[in-house]
Amino acid sequence: MTTPSPSGSQYANIVSDEQFIIVQVVTGAVITGILSLFGVASNIINIVVFAKQGFQDSMNISLMGLAVSDLFSLLTTMWLSICVNPLFYNSELPFHPNDIMNLTGGIPHIICVKIATFITAFITFERCLCIAVPLKVKTIITPGRTKTIIISIYIAMSALMIPYCLGSRLEWVFDFNRNATVLITTYTAEREMLEAITFLTQGVFATTFSFVFVICCTIVLIVKLNSKTKWRQATATKSDRATEGVGVKDQKVVKMVTFIASIFIVCALPSTLLFLYMVIDIDFRIDGFYKNIYLVIWSLAFLTETVNSSVNIFVYLKMSSKYRAVFMKTFLNKKEK
């Protein structure tokens, strides 16, 4: 049992149970549920388009890995939105949705979000190399190496959650109140230590590192692109047309990656700040003194993560002519004009 913090006791009841239920239903069950449903459809479209484009290009492989991780994160978000729906958890079920949703939805969601985060970091890093060392990048970032890196990210982020899973498990237990056997989450004696390890490695270090890394790479991308553009304009003589074409191509690719990275930075900022604040305030936990505030703020953070995982299709349609051409041919049976 967490001991209340005297200095922050006045904030404990800012959000009442009734207010929390309203926020949970509106943001978690309705808005996040609808957005995640759209995101699942959009990422399935992304996967189909990238598969049709082929995997000879390293960027296409990375974007496919991102789409797959976004798809699974949104599927887990849909399950979480169902679990917080009163019509669902008040019905007669052989399990307690609020009890098992963290292990069946929350943890898989975190894994998928972290995978997408590190793939985004890799994509921005790859574009930095394309701008900084354009003649060597194809020998540094090959399709084979890209596949290995993407698979390694999936494995590493999943492995970081093993300690948490060792401290929690799903078990069938007889409920005397309902006179039935129900599925609940049970915990081992080492739960607190294992959760602390996972929180530091996955929640704090991995989240902060990837977030800062994407910001740095995005800044480098913008600065390098501007300097390269100015250099081309200053040195263009006879081959003005060719030089301009190369510059335009670079700008389109970098702008697309910059948009993806910028969306990630904005949407990931709430959860990153929340993880850092949880290091400072030990009462800011799901079972802590500020439980309602904690859950309300995290429901809003989940909403921004859902937006991040759902809107990339608009960036691809707007900024990638190859994606747009395959999309129109596959789903609209039209050719791009």
Foldseek 3Di string as FASTA:
>chain_A
DADDDPVCLVVLVPQPPVNLLVLCLPLQQPLLLVLLVLQLVLLVLLLVLLVVVPQQDLLSVLVNLLSVLLNQLSVLSNLRSQLSHCVRQVDDDQARSVFCSCVVRVLSNLLSLLLNLVSLLVSLVLLLCCLPPVVCSCVVRGSVVSVVVSVVSSVVSVVLCVLQDVFKDWDWDQDPVVRGTHIGIDGDPCNVVSVVSSLVPRQAPSLVVSLVSLVVSLVSLVVSLVVVVVVLVVPDDPPNVVSVVVNVVSCLSSVLSSVLSVLCNVLSVLSNVVSVVCVVDVQLDCPHSNNSVNSSSVSVSSSSSSVSSRPSSVSCCVRPPSSVQSSCCPPVVDGDD
